[in-house]
Amino acid sequence: MQYIKATLLARTKEVRDDGSIVEVVIWELAEPLPPGTHLFKYRLFYGSPTEERVRYDNERGKGDHRHIGEKEFAYVFMSVERLLDDFENDVPNWSEQ
């Protein structure tokens, strides 16, 4: 297994009154995670222990993508700020359509 040097930029987890969870983890990498071209590894999650409602993440070999309910979509990473904005916009608007 190959490891890339990384610096943790953000890690937060909020459990809301209704039991839903919002979790954000963002790392800055020393080199891009293929096939990506940017220097960030991230996982942004909204849901519950039994239901994934919204998730943004990137992984080696798969790249940037997001999940809305059961569906998966490609995601074009522009910046960390844009990533957070896009996630924050999807959380209150999520549906399983």
C-alpha atoms as a PDB file:
ATOM      1  CA  MET A   1       0.000   0.000   0.000  1.00  0.00           C
ATOM      2  CA  GLN A   2       1.346   3.418  -0.962  1.00  0.00           C
ATOM      3  CA  TYR A   3       0.979   6.330   1.451  1.00  0.00           C
ATOM      4  CA  ILE A   4       1.124   9.999   0.512  1.00  0.00           C
ATOM      5  CA  LYS A   5       2.294  12.636   2.989  1.00  0.00           C
ATOM      6  CA  ALA A   6      -0.724  14.703   4.063  1.00  0.00           C
ATOM      7  CA  THR A   7      -1.632  17.587   6.360  1.00  0.00           C
ATOM      8  CA  LEU A   8      -5.034  17.660   8.010  1.00  0.00           C
ATOM      9  CA  LEU A   9      -6.816  20.919   7.103  1.00  0.00           C
ATOM     10  CA  ALA A  10     -10.256  20.305   8.571  1.00  0.00           C
ATOM     11  CA  ARG A  11     -12.038  17.699  10.661  1.00  0.00           C
ATOM     12  CA  THR A  12     -15.449  18.386  12.125  1.00  0.00           C
ATOM     13  CA  LYS A  13     -18.451  16.311  13.052  1.00  0.00           C
ATOM     14  CA  GLU A  14     -21.868  17.583  14.080  1.00  0.00           C
ATOM     15  CA  VAL A  15     -24.696  15.367  15.336  1.00  0.00           C
ATOM     16  CA  ARG A  16     -27.921  17.281  14.880  1.00  0.00           C
ATOM     17  CA  ASP A  17     -31.018  17.196  17.089  1.00  0.00           C
ATOM     18  CA  ASP A  18     -32.787  14.930  14.585  1.00  0.00           C
ATOM     19  CA  GLY A  19     -29.911  12.412  14.784  1.00  0.00           C
ATOM     20  CA  SER A  20     -28.443  13.289  11.389  1.00  0.00           C
ATOM     21  CA  ILE A  21     -24.674  13.643  11.069  1.00  0.00           C
ATOM     22  CA  VAL A  22     -22.631  16.220   9.152  1.00  0.00           C
ATOM     23  CA  GLU A  23     -18.948  15.331   8.925  1.00  0.00           C
ATOM     24  CA  VAL A  24     -16.157  17.070   7.003  1.00  0.00           C
ATOM     25  CA  VAL A  25     -12.573  15.808   6.653  1.00  0.00           C
ATOM     26  CA  ILE A  26     -10.105  17.521   4.297  1.00  0.00           C
ATOM     27  CA  TRP A  27      -6.411  16.745   3.859  1.00  0.00           C
ATOM     28  CA  GLU A  28      -3.794  18.621   1.827  1.00  0.00           C
ATOM     29  CA  LEU A  29      -1.511  16.199  -0.006  1.00  0.00           C
ATOM     30  CA  ALA A  30       2.095  16.494  -1.104  1.00  0.00           C
ATOM     31  CA  GLU A  31       1.084  15.278  -4.569  1.00  0.00           C
ATOM     32  CA  PRO A  32      -2.212  14.732  -6.417  1.00  0.00           C
ATOM     33  CA  LEU A  33      -4.199  11.553  -5.825  1.00  0.00           C
ATOM     34  CA  PRO A  34      -4.572   9.939  -9.299  1.00  0.00           C
ATOM     35  CA  PRO A  35      -6.534  10.494 -11.440  1.00  0.00           C
ATOM     36  CA  GLY A  36      -7.040  13.914  -9.782  1.00  0.00           C
ATOM     37  CA  THR A  37      -4.856  16.939 -10.426  1.00  0.00           C
ATOM     38  CA  HIS A  38      -5.416  18.892  -7.192  1.00  0.00           C
ATOM     39  CA  LEU A  39      -3.690  18.450  -3.830  1.00  0.00           C
ATOM     40  CA  PHE A  40      -6.688  17.594  -1.649  1.00  0.00           C
ATOM     41  CA  LYS A  41      -8.202  14.400  -0.261  1.00  0.00           C
ATOM     42  CA  TYR A  42     -11.663  14.863   1.198  1.00  0.00           C
ATOM     43  CA  ARG A  43     -14.754  13.208   2.600  1.00  0.00           C
ATOM     44  CA  LEU A  44     -17.893  15.236   3.313  1.00  0.00           C
ATOM     45  CA  PHE A  45     -20.853  13.287   4.674  1.00  0.00           C
ATOM     46  CA  TYR A  46     -24.462  14.014   5.573  1.00  0.00           C
ATOM     47  CA  GLY A  47     -26.786  11.268   6.725  1.00  0.00           C
ATOM     48  CA  SER A  48     -27.234   8.874   9.594  1.00  0.00           C
ATOM     49  CA  PRO A  49     -25.517   5.666  10.659  1.00  0.00           C
ATOM     50  CA  THR A  50     -28.012   3.757   8.493  1.00  0.00           C
ATOM     51  CA  GLU A  51     -28.611   6.202   5.608  1.00  0.00           C
ATOM     52  CA  GLU A  52     -26.184   8.074   3.389  1.00  0.00           C
ATOM     53  CA  ARG A  53     -27.942  11.188   2.063  1.00  0.00           C
ATOM     54  CA  VAL A  54     -25.097  13.289   0.651  1.00  0.00           C
ATOM     55  CA  ARG A  55     -21.404  12.416   0.339  1.00  0.00           C
ATOM     56  CA  TYR A  56     -18.578  14.078  -1.536  1.00  0.00           C
ATOM     57  CA  ASP A  57     -15.269  12.249  -1.759  1.00  0.00           C
ATOM     58  CA  ASN A  58     -12.322  11.344  -3.919  1.00  0.00           C
ATOM     59  CA  GLU A  59     -10.297   8.196  -4.031  1.00  0.00           C
ATOM     60  CA  ARG A  60      -7.340   6.772  -5.901  1.00  0.00           C
ATOM     61  CA  GLY A  61      -8.397   5.400  -9.274  1.00  0.00           C
ATOM     62  CA  LYS A  62     -11.898   6.888  -9.110  1.00  0.00           C
ATOM     63  CA  GLY A  63     -11.345  10.606  -8.639  1.00  0.00           C
ATOM     64  CA  ASP A  64     -13.776  13.276  -7.489  1.00  0.00           C
ATOM     65  CA  HIS A  65     -17.442  12.361  -7.174  1.00  0.00           C
ATOM     66  CA  ARG A  66     -20.537  12.919  -5.069  1.00  0.00           C
ATOM     67  CA  HIS A  67     -23.397  10.761  -3.891  1.00  0.00           C
ATOM     68  CA  ILE A  68     -26.972  11.955  -3.514  1.00  0.00           C
ATOM     69  CA  GLY A  69     -29.004   9.164  -1.951  1.00  0.00           C
ATOM     70  CA  GLU A  70     -28.306   6.009  -3.950  1.00  0.00           C
ATOM     71  CA  LYS A  71     -27.017   7.877  -7.027  1.00  0.00           C
ATOM     72  CA  GLU A  72     -23.401   8.758  -7.806  1.00  0.00           C
ATOM     73  CA  PHE A  73     -22.301  11.699  -9.966  1.00  0.00           C
ATOM     74  CA  ALA A  74     -18.959  12.960 -11.232  1.00  0.00           C
ATOM     75  CA  TYR A  75     -17.790  16.114  -9.457  1.00  0.00           C
ATOM     76  CA  VAL A  76     -15.490  18.804 -10.859  1.00  0.00           C
ATOM     77  CA  PHE A  77     -13.256  20.012  -8.030  1.00  0.00           C
ATOM     78  CA  MET A  78     -12.504  23.745  -8.317  1.00  0.00           C
ATOM     79  CA  SER A  79     -11.347  24.702  -4.796  1.00  0.00           C
ATOM     80  CA  VAL A  80     -11.868  23.762  -1.160  1.00  0.00           C
ATOM     81  CA  GLU A  81     -14.160  26.781  -0.728  1.00  0.00           C
ATOM     82  CA  ARG A  82     -16.313  25.730  -3.693  1.00  0.00           C
ATOM     83  CA  LEU A  83     -16.400  22.130  -2.423  1.00  0.00           C
ATOM     84  CA  LEU A  84     -17.715  23.286   0.959  1.00  0.00           C
ATOM     85  CA  ASP A  85     -20.275  25.590  -0.697  1.00  0.00           C
ATOM     86  CA  ASP A  86     -21.522  22.826  -3.001  1.00  0.00           C
ATOM     87  CA  PHE A  87     -21.832  20.392  -0.096  1.00  0.00           C
ATOM     88  CA  GLU A  88     -23.602  22.958   2.099  1.00  0.00           C
ATOM     89  CA  ASN A  89     -26.066  23.639  -0.745  1.00  0.00           C
ATOM     90  CA  ASP A  90     -26.793  19.920  -1.249  1.00  0.00           C
ATOM     91  CA  VAL A  91     -27.403  19.100   2.428  1.00  0.00           C
ATOM     92  CA  PRO A  92     -30.701  21.009   2.849  1.00  0.00           C
ATOM     93  CA  ASN A  93     -31.809  20.172  -0.701  1.00  0.00           C
ATOM     94  CA  TRP A  94     -31.075  16.442  -0.824  1.00  0.00           C
ATOM     95  CA  SER A  95     -33.629  13.994  -2.109  1.00  0.00           C
ATOM     96  CA  GLU A  96     -33.532  10.461  -3.381  1.00  0.00           C
ATOM     97  CA  GLN A  97     -34.900  11.364  -6.803  1.00  0.00           C
END
